Amino acid sequence: MKMARIVPFRGIRYCSDKIGNLADVIIPPYDVITAEEQEQFYRRSPYNFIRLEFGKTGSGGDGGSRYTRAAGYLHSWREERVLLLEEQPLFYLYRQSFTFAGRTHRRTGLIAALGLEPYSKKVILPHEDTLATPKADRLELMRHCRANFSPIFGLFSDPEERFAEICAPFQQRSPLYNFTDHYGEHHTLWPVEGPPQEELARLLEPRQIFIADGHHRYDTALRYREEAASPGSGYVLAVLVPLEDPGLLILPFHRLLKGLTAGQLALLRKKAARYFEVAEGKPEDGLSARLAGMRAPAMALLFPDRDLLLRAKESGSAGELDVSLLKRLLLDPLFESDAVEQHLDFVTGEDEARRALQSGKAQAAVLLNPTPMAAVTARALKGENMPQKSTCFHPKLPAGLLIHHLELSH
């Protein structure tokens, strides 16, 4: 039987003395960065990680692509010693602290190079479908830079809390990084060396790894391995967190619908009335809060002029996830071709969805409840993928803490 493989690696990371405030260079992962935020990151520092992870499109005045420019920045920043390669292979202990809804949360994970396995081996388990466009983008970036710039987020079962026991001594030592970013999230990073590396590898070896976030990055790493002979091409950068960690928080990804024809909008209303019990709602009701108290499956369908609360009529829908029901009953009939991704955007807040409707960015929005953790792992074990963007593990893991270079790290 195949087992999970993790190995230490020589990380490339920012030199604190060169950068000053690490909050000025660390960013969220590419898939949640808006055009406005991209501009902000460019202005924040000439060494902001946006230039590697998600550079601007266009010529940039040099006739190259954002992928060639990313490779150029990676090379020049290493030459300037803004980015340093570790002298020895390490694991890293990473703690992310944040506040949500007035409560402080903290989750702790291991940063490692995770051995790639095809999903058929049932070692690495996905739970979401992926889209072609982001995978093509990430693949071009890997081809040019030969590196993982942001990690996948993996979960493993550890009911006996051995992970916390092994790692506890390292949290008493001086960290490599210890800073608060511009979102108010606090990041602490410790190196893990010596015999505990072997203990951690043994701990993870019999475990299955559930992908919480980073399905596109993992799929891209599998594809890149087929065409590259780099020493590290059989591994992907990962942050691995116990499923039992009390700091794990799942939010919903609400759907924004755009570019709909009049016929599609009419069909959306027709299908909603056919398959759901429909009740009128009001913005001041706080529909997200009302949804949380409704018997599943349920969702809210928002238009610029009205809000609708939907509860499924189908007797056979009991136990079906909201996101799956939405896709099957409402979205699939609207988009019979593979063009669905050009009509969808995703947000995590009701207010953000309403702003998109009022600005004309979206013609309709669907609010969903968060997918329970138990449903995520149960479907992953069965090999039943949910629609893309079914879960939002909050907050996102940052990009820029560590780079896993596929030719230098092993």
Protein backbone atom coordinates (compact mmCIF):
# COMPACT_ATOMS: atom_id res chain seq x y z
CA MET A 1 0.00 0.00 0.00
CA LYS A 2 1.26 3.49 -0.88
CA MET A 3 1.96 5.79 2.04
CA ALA A 4 2.32 9.55 2.50
CA ARG A 5 5.87 10.78 2.02
CA ILE A 6 7.19 14.00 3.46
CA VAL A 7 10.80 15.14 3.31
CA PRO A 8 12.63 18.21 4.59
CA PHE A 9 13.83 20.66 1.98
CA ARG A 10 16.14 23.66 1.64
CA GLY A 11 13.65 26.49 1.64
CA ILE A 12 14.23 29.81 -0.04
CA ARG A 13 12.98 32.65 2.14
CA TYR A 14 13.20 36.40 2.58
CA CYS A 15 16.17 37.86 4.42
CA SER A 16 14.61 39.87 7.25
CA ASP A 17 17.56 42.26 7.35
CA LYS A 18 17.04 43.18 3.69
CA ILE A 19 13.25 43.47 3.84
CA GLY A 20 12.55 45.08 7.18
CA ASN A 21 8.83 44.50 7.62
CA LEU A 22 7.82 41.10 6.28
CA ALA A 23 4.20 42.27 6.18
CA ASP A 24 5.16 44.40 3.17
CA VAL A 25 6.12 41.39 1.03
CA ILE A 26 3.85 38.50 2.06
CA ILE A 27 0.57 38.14 0.12
CA PRO A 28 -2.51 35.89 -0.09
CA PRO A 29 -2.50 33.12 -2.73
CA TYR A 30 -3.11 34.14 -6.34
CA ASP A 31 -6.70 32.93 -6.59
CA VAL A 32 -8.13 35.46 -4.13
CA ILE A 33 -6.20 38.54 -5.27
CA THR A 34 -8.25 41.24 -7.03
CA ALA A 35 -6.83 43.63 -9.62
CA GLU A 36 -6.99 46.45 -7.03
CA GLU A 37 -5.10 44.38 -4.46
CA GLN A 38 -2.51 43.43 -7.06
CA GLU A 39 -1.78 47.13 -7.61
CA GLN A 40 -1.53 47.70 -3.86
CA PHE A 41 0.98 44.88 -3.47
CA TYR A 42 3.12 46.26 -6.29
CA ARG A 43 3.27 49.64 -4.54
CA ARG A 44 3.91 48.21 -1.09
CA SER A 45 7.47 47.04 -1.77
CA PRO A 46 9.76 46.49 -4.79
CA TYR A 47 10.28 43.00 -3.36
CA ASN A 48 6.63 42.16 -2.78
CA PHE A 49 5.91 38.51 -3.56
CA ILE A 50 3.16 39.51 -6.01
CA ARG A 51 5.88 39.81 -8.68
CA LEU A 52 6.56 36.09 -8.36
CA GLU A 53 3.18 34.61 -7.49
CA PHE A 54 0.80 36.69 -9.61
CA GLY A 55 2.52 39.34 -11.72
CA LYS A 56 0.78 41.78 -14.00
CA THR A 57 -0.11 40.73 -17.52
CA GLY A 58 1.11 42.71 -20.51
CA SER A 59 4.57 43.40 -21.82
CA GLY A 60 5.81 45.36 -18.83
CA GLY A 61 8.03 47.26 -21.22
CA ASP A 62 10.41 44.34 -21.72
CA GLY A 63 8.49 42.31 -24.28
CA GLY A 64 8.27 39.34 -21.89
CA SER A 65 5.41 37.64 -20.11
CA ARG A 66 4.61 37.73 -16.44
CA TYR A 67 6.12 34.24 -16.23
CA THR A 68 9.50 35.31 -17.65
CA ARG A 69 9.47 38.35 -15.39
CA ALA A 70 8.76 36.14 -12.36
CA ALA A 71 11.75 33.97 -13.25
CA GLY A 72 13.86 37.11 -13.63
CA TYR A 73 12.84 38.45 -10.23
CA LEU A 74 13.55 35.09 -8.60
CA HIS A 75 17.06 35.09 -10.07
CA SER A 76 17.86 38.72 -9.31
CA TRP A 77 16.49 38.65 -5.77
CA ARG A 78 18.67 35.65 -5.02
CA GLU A 79 21.66 37.49 -6.51
CA GLU A 80 20.88 40.49 -4.27
CA ARG A 81 20.47 38.09 -1.31
CA VAL A 82 16.98 39.36 -0.71
CA LEU A 83 16.04 35.69 -0.97
CA LEU A 84 18.29 33.16 0.78
CA LEU A 85 18.59 29.40 0.28
CA GLU A 86 18.77 27.41 3.53
CA GLU A 87 22.07 25.66 4.17
CA GLN A 88 20.37 22.39 5.16
CA PRO A 89 17.06 20.63 4.51
CA LEU A 90 14.46 21.52 7.12
CA PHE A 91 10.87 21.02 8.08
CA TYR A 92 9.18 24.18 9.33
CA LEU A 93 6.59 24.60 12.05
CA TYR A 94 4.09 27.30 11.14
CA ARG A 95 1.50 28.96 13.36
CA GLN A 96 -1.17 31.29 11.96
CA SER A 97 -3.23 33.33 14.44
CA PHE A 98 -6.29 35.33 13.42
CA THR A 99 -9.55 36.83 14.64
CA PHE A 100 -12.94 35.97 13.19
CA ALA A 101 -16.35 37.09 14.44
CA GLY A 102 -14.77 38.46 17.60
CA ARG A 103 -12.93 35.26 18.48
CA THR A 104 -9.21 34.58 18.27
CA HIS A 105 -8.18 31.36 16.50
CA ARG A 106 -4.83 29.67 16.05
CA ARG A 107 -3.83 26.76 13.83
CA THR A 108 -0.46 25.06 13.63
CA GLY A 109 0.94 23.04 10.78
CA LEU A 110 4.07 21.47 9.35
CA ILE A 111 5.60 22.88 6.17
CA ALA A 112 7.22 20.08 4.20
CA ALA A 113 7.83 18.75 0.71
CA LEU A 114 4.97 16.29 0.17
CA GLY A 115 5.53 13.37 -2.18
CA LEU A 116 3.22 13.49 -5.19
CA GLU A 117 0.88 10.55 -5.69
CA PRO A 118 -1.88 10.09 -8.26
CA TYR A 119 -5.32 10.31 -6.72
CA SER A 120 -5.94 6.68 -7.68
CA LYS A 121 -3.50 5.59 -4.94
CA LYS A 122 -5.84 7.03 -2.28
CA VAL A 123 -2.93 8.63 -0.42
CA ILE A 124 -3.67 12.24 -1.37
CA LEU A 125 -7.42 12.81 -1.41
CA PRO A 126 -9.10 15.73 -3.20
CA HIS A 127 -12.63 16.91 -2.49
CA GLU A 128 -13.25 19.50 -5.22
CA ASP A 129 -13.31 19.65 -9.00
CA THR A 130 -10.84 21.97 -10.72
CA LEU A 131 -10.91 24.43 -13.62
CA ALA A 132 -8.68 24.36 -16.69
CA THR A 133 -7.73 28.05 -16.84
CA PRO A 134 -6.01 28.38 -13.42
CA LYS A 135 -4.16 25.09 -13.96
CA ALA A 136 -2.77 26.32 -17.28
CA ASP A 137 -1.62 29.53 -15.57
CA ARG A 138 0.10 27.72 -12.68
CA LEU A 139 1.77 25.29 -15.08
CA GLU A 140 3.36 28.10 -17.10
CA LEU A 141 4.64 29.65 -13.89
CA MET A 142 6.21 26.35 -12.82
CA ARG A 143 7.77 25.81 -16.23
CA HIS A 144 9.49 29.19 -16.12
CA CYS A 145 10.46 29.32 -12.44
CA ARG A 146 10.80 25.61 -11.53
CA ALA A 147 9.46 26.33 -8.07
CA ASN A 148 6.39 26.15 -5.82
CA PHE A 149 5.62 29.67 -4.65
CA SER A 150 2.61 28.91 -2.45
CA PRO A 151 1.76 25.71 -0.59
CA ILE A 152 -1.17 23.38 -0.81
CA PHE A 153 -3.13 23.06 2.43
CA GLY A 154 -3.35 19.45 3.59
CA LEU A 155 -5.11 17.82 6.53
CA PHE A 156 -4.31 14.56 8.33
CA SER A 157 -5.88 12.69 11.20
CA ASP A 158 -4.01 12.81 14.51
CA PRO A 159 -6.50 11.99 17.30
CA GLU A 160 -3.69 11.17 19.75
CA GLU A 161 -2.14 14.64 19.21
CA ARG A 162 1.32 13.26 18.53
CA PHE A 163 2.04 16.11 16.15
CA ALA A 164 1.61 18.72 18.87
CA GLU A 165 3.73 16.64 21.25
CA ILE A 166 6.64 16.32 18.82
CA CYS A 167 6.56 20.00 17.85
CA ALA A 168 6.01 21.56 21.28
CA PRO A 169 9.74 22.02 22.08
CA PHE A 170 10.34 23.99 18.88
CA GLN A 171 7.74 26.58 19.83
CA GLN A 172 9.88 27.49 22.84
CA ARG A 173 12.76 28.52 20.57
CA SER A 174 13.43 31.75 18.72
CA PRO A 175 11.42 31.80 15.47
CA LEU A 176 12.71 32.61 12.01
CA TYR A 177 9.70 34.86 11.41
CA ASN A 178 7.30 36.45 13.87
CA PHE A 179 5.15 39.24 12.45
CA THR A 180 1.62 40.55 11.93
CA ASP A 181 0.48 41.24 8.39
CA HIS A 182 -1.73 44.00 7.01
CA TYR A 183 -4.85 41.84 7.53
CA GLY A 184 -4.16 41.50 11.25
CA GLU A 185 -3.08 37.86 10.96
CA HIS A 186 -0.01 36.81 12.94
CA HIS A 187 2.57 34.46 11.44
CA THR A 188 5.29 32.53 13.30
CA LEU A 189 7.77 30.19 11.64
CA TRP A 190 10.27 27.86 13.35
CA PRO A 191 12.86 25.53 11.79
CA VAL A 192 12.59 21.83 12.64
CA GLU A 193 15.83 19.90 12.43
CA GLY A 194 17.40 16.80 13.93
CA PRO A 195 15.68 13.54 15.04
CA PRO A 196 12.18 15.11 15.16
CA GLN A 197 12.29 15.22 11.36
CA GLU A 198 12.29 11.41 11.30
CA GLU A 199 9.57 11.25 13.96
CA LEU A 200 7.33 13.52 11.91
CA ALA A 201 7.97 11.55 8.73
CA ARG A 202 7.01 8.34 10.55
CA LEU A 203 3.91 10.01 12.02
CA LEU A 204 2.64 11.06 8.58
CA GLU A 205 3.67 7.89 6.75
CA PRO A 206 0.50 5.82 7.43
CA ARG A 207 -1.84 8.80 7.03
CA GLN A 208 -4.00 9.90 4.17
CA ILE A 209 -3.71 13.58 3.27
CA PHE A 210 -6.92 15.47 2.54
CA ILE A 211 -6.45 18.51 0.30
CA ALA A 212 -8.22 21.39 2.03
CA ASP A 213 -7.04 24.04 -0.42
CA GLY A 214 -4.75 24.05 -3.43
CA HIS A 215 -6.36 21.47 -5.72
CA HIS A 216 -5.24 23.42 -8.81
CA ARG A 217 -1.68 23.61 -7.51
CA TYR A 218 -1.58 19.90 -6.75
CA ASP A 219 -3.00 18.95 -10.15
CA THR A 220 -0.44 21.26 -11.76
CA ALA A 221 2.42 19.65 -9.82
CA LEU A 222 1.28 16.21 -11.05
CA ARG A 223 1.28 17.49 -14.63
CA TYR A 224 4.68 19.17 -14.27
CA ARG A 225 6.21 15.95 -12.94
CA GLU A 226 5.32 14.27 -16.23
CA GLU A 227 7.45 16.69 -18.23
CA ALA A 228 10.30 17.62 -15.87
CA ALA A 229 13.31 15.77 -14.52
CA SER A 230 14.06 18.13 -11.63
CA PRO A 231 15.20 16.46 -8.40
CA GLY A 232 12.22 17.96 -6.59
CA SER A 233 9.59 17.49 -9.27
CA GLY A 234 8.20 14.51 -7.37
CA TYR A 235 7.24 16.76 -4.45
CA VAL A 236 5.02 19.76 -3.80
CA LEU A 237 5.20 22.42 -1.10
CA ALA A 238 2.56 21.72 1.57
CA VAL A 239 1.34 22.94 4.93
CA LEU A 240 -0.06 19.94 6.82
CA VAL A 241 -2.45 20.51 9.73
CA PRO A 242 -4.15 17.94 11.98
CA LEU A 243 -7.89 17.55 11.35
CA GLU A 244 -8.38 17.92 15.09
CA ASP A 245 -6.77 21.39 15.22
CA PRO A 246 -9.31 23.73 16.89
CA GLY A 247 -8.16 26.59 14.65
CA LEU A 248 -9.61 25.08 11.46
CA LEU A 249 -12.44 27.26 10.17
CA ILE A 250 -14.51 26.64 7.02
CA LEU A 251 -16.46 29.46 5.36
CA PRO A 252 -18.73 29.17 2.33
CA PHE A 253 -17.85 30.35 -1.15
CA HIS A 254 -20.88 32.26 -2.41
CA ARG A 255 -21.50 32.26 -6.18
CA LEU A 256 -21.75 35.37 -8.37
CA LEU A 257 -23.44 34.82 -11.74
CA LYS A 258 -22.48 37.13 -14.60
CA GLY A 259 -22.85 37.39 -18.37
CA LEU A 260 -26.30 35.80 -18.34
CA THR A 261 -28.73 36.28 -21.19
CA ALA A 262 -32.33 37.29 -20.53
CA GLY A 263 -33.29 33.70 -21.30
CA GLN A 264 -30.83 32.32 -18.76
CA LEU A 265 -32.07 34.70 -16.07
CA ALA A 266 -35.64 33.63 -16.76
CA LEU A 267 -34.61 29.97 -16.67
CA LEU A 268 -32.84 30.50 -13.34
CA ARG A 269 -36.02 31.88 -11.78
CA LYS A 270 -38.09 29.08 -13.33
CA LYS A 271 -35.81 26.32 -12.02
CA ALA A 272 -35.72 27.91 -8.56
CA ALA A 273 -39.53 27.90 -8.41
CA ARG A 274 -39.70 24.34 -9.70
CA TYR A 275 -37.22 22.66 -7.36
CA PHE A 276 -37.36 24.83 -4.23
CA GLU A 277 -39.82 26.23 -1.72
CA VAL A 278 -39.35 29.95 -2.22
CA ALA A 279 -39.75 32.68 0.39
CA GLU A 280 -39.06 36.38 0.09
CA GLY A 281 -36.16 37.77 2.07
CA LYS A 282 -34.85 41.24 2.83
CA PRO A 283 -31.24 42.49 2.92
CA GLU A 284 -31.68 43.73 6.49
CA ASP A 285 -32.63 40.20 7.54
CA GLY A 286 -28.99 39.08 7.32
CA LEU A 287 -29.68 36.13 5.05
CA SER A 288 -26.40 34.36 5.84
CA ALA A 289 -27.44 34.17 9.50
CA ARG A 290 -30.94 32.98 8.55
CA LEU A 291 -29.50 30.29 6.31
CA ALA A 292 -27.39 28.96 9.17
CA GLY A 293 -30.60 28.17 11.06
CA MET A 294 -32.41 26.48 8.17
CA ARG A 295 -32.72 22.76 7.59
CA ALA A 296 -30.33 21.76 4.82
CA PRO A 297 -30.24 21.82 1.89
CA ALA A 298 -31.03 25.51 1.64
CA MET A 299 -29.59 28.61 0.00
CA ALA A 300 -30.45 32.21 -0.87
CA LEU A 301 -30.80 33.51 -4.43
CA LEU A 302 -30.16 37.24 -4.72
CA PHE A 303 -31.04 39.59 -7.56
CA PRO A 304 -30.49 43.37 -7.63
CA ASP A 305 -34.20 43.93 -6.85
CA ARG A 306 -35.14 41.01 -4.60
CA ASP A 307 -33.89 38.25 -2.29
CA LEU A 308 -35.23 34.69 -2.29
CA LEU A 309 -34.73 32.02 0.36
CA LEU A 310 -34.73 28.53 -1.16
CA ARG A 311 -35.34 25.19 0.54
CA ALA A 312 -35.20 22.06 -1.61
CA LYS A 313 -38.49 20.32 -2.39
CA GLU A 314 -36.89 17.08 -3.58
CA SER A 315 -37.35 14.20 -1.17
CA GLY A 316 -34.22 12.65 -2.65
CA SER A 317 -32.08 15.69 -1.85
CA ALA A 318 -31.77 14.92 1.87
CA GLY A 319 -28.08 14.55 2.68
CA GLU A 320 -26.98 16.16 -0.58
CA LEU A 321 -24.62 19.06 -0.11
CA ASP A 322 -25.91 22.54 -0.87
CA VAL A 323 -23.15 23.16 -3.41
CA SER A 324 -23.93 19.91 -5.23
CA LEU A 325 -27.64 20.62 -5.28
CA LEU A 326 -27.01 24.11 -6.62
CA LYS A 327 -24.90 22.73 -9.45
CA ARG A 328 -27.32 19.93 -10.35
CA LEU A 329 -30.61 21.82 -10.21
CA LEU A 330 -29.74 25.43 -11.08
CA LEU A 331 -26.33 25.84 -12.69
CA ASP A 332 -26.09 22.80 -14.98
CA PRO A 333 -29.35 23.64 -16.77
CA LEU A 334 -28.06 27.19 -17.37
CA PHE A 335 -24.65 26.20 -18.70
CA GLU A 336 -24.84 23.14 -20.90
CA SER A 337 -21.35 23.70 -22.36
CA ASP A 338 -17.96 23.86 -20.66
CA ALA A 339 -18.17 27.66 -20.48
CA VAL A 340 -19.50 27.71 -16.92
CA GLU A 341 -16.32 29.18 -15.42
CA GLN A 342 -16.63 32.38 -17.44
CA HIS A 343 -20.01 33.02 -15.80
CA LEU A 344 -18.91 32.42 -12.19
CA ASP A 345 -17.08 34.43 -9.57
CA PHE A 346 -16.70 33.52 -5.93
CA VAL A 347 -16.87 35.63 -2.75
CA THR A 348 -16.93 34.71 0.93
CA GLY A 349 -19.12 37.49 2.34
CA GLU A 350 -22.79 38.46 1.89
CA ASP A 351 -21.89 42.16 1.80
CA GLU A 352 -19.39 41.53 -0.99
CA ALA A 353 -22.05 39.66 -2.97
CA ARG A 354 -24.50 42.53 -2.58
CA ARG A 355 -21.92 45.09 -3.71
CA ALA A 356 -21.32 43.02 -6.84
CA LEU A 357 -25.05 43.05 -7.59
CA GLN A 358 -25.45 46.76 -7.06
CA SER A 359 -22.38 47.62 -9.14
CA GLY A 360 -23.51 45.43 -12.03
CA LYS A 361 -20.54 43.09 -11.67
CA ALA A 362 -23.04 40.26 -11.16
CA GLN A 363 -26.63 39.72 -12.25
CA ALA A 364 -27.44 37.22 -9.53
CA ALA A 365 -25.76 35.72 -6.48
CA VAL A 366 -26.25 32.54 -4.48
CA LEU A 367 -25.49 32.49 -0.75
CA LEU A 368 -24.56 29.13 0.75
CA ASN A 369 -23.90 27.66 4.17
CA PRO A 370 -20.37 26.39 4.87
CA THR A 371 -19.67 22.75 4.04
CA PRO A 372 -19.12 20.76 7.28
CA MET A 373 -15.67 19.26 7.81
CA ALA A 374 -17.16 15.78 8.20
CA ALA A 375 -18.74 16.08 4.74
CA VAL A 376 -15.43 17.14 3.22
CA THR A 377 -13.52 14.12 4.53
CA ALA A 378 -16.39 11.65 3.94
CA ARG A 379 -16.68 12.55 0.27
CA ALA A 380 -12.93 12.59 -0.20
CA LEU A 381 -12.73 9.05 1.19
CA LYS A 382 -15.47 7.94 -1.21
CA GLY A 383 -13.77 9.64 -4.15
CA GLU A 384 -16.76 11.92 -4.67
CA ASN A 385 -15.59 15.38 -5.64
CA MET A 386 -17.67 18.41 -4.84
CA PRO A 387 -18.02 21.33 -7.28
CA GLN A 388 -15.07 23.70 -7.42
CA LYS A 389 -14.88 26.29 -4.64
CA SER A 390 -17.09 24.28 -2.28
CA THR A 391 -15.02 25.16 0.78
CA CYS A 392 -13.07 28.17 1.98
CA PHE A 393 -10.68 27.31 4.77
CA HIS A 394 -10.24 30.67 6.47
CA PRO A 395 -7.88 32.40 6.41
CA LYS A 396 -5.95 31.45 3.30
CA LEU A 397 -2.36 30.35 3.73
CA PRO A 398 -0.03 33.17 2.68
CA ALA A 399 2.32 33.04 -0.27
CA GLY A 400 5.91 34.12 0.25
CA LEU A 401 6.86 32.56 3.56
CA LEU A 402 8.89 29.88 1.80
CA ILE A 403 9.76 28.85 -1.74
CA HIS A 404 10.27 25.22 -2.65
CA HIS A 405 12.70 25.25 -5.60
CA LEU A 406 12.47 22.01 -7.53
CA GLU A 407 16.13 22.04 -8.57
CA LEU A 408 17.81 23.50 -5.48
CA SER A 409 15.78 22.33 -2.48
CA HIS A 410 16.65 18.60 -2.51
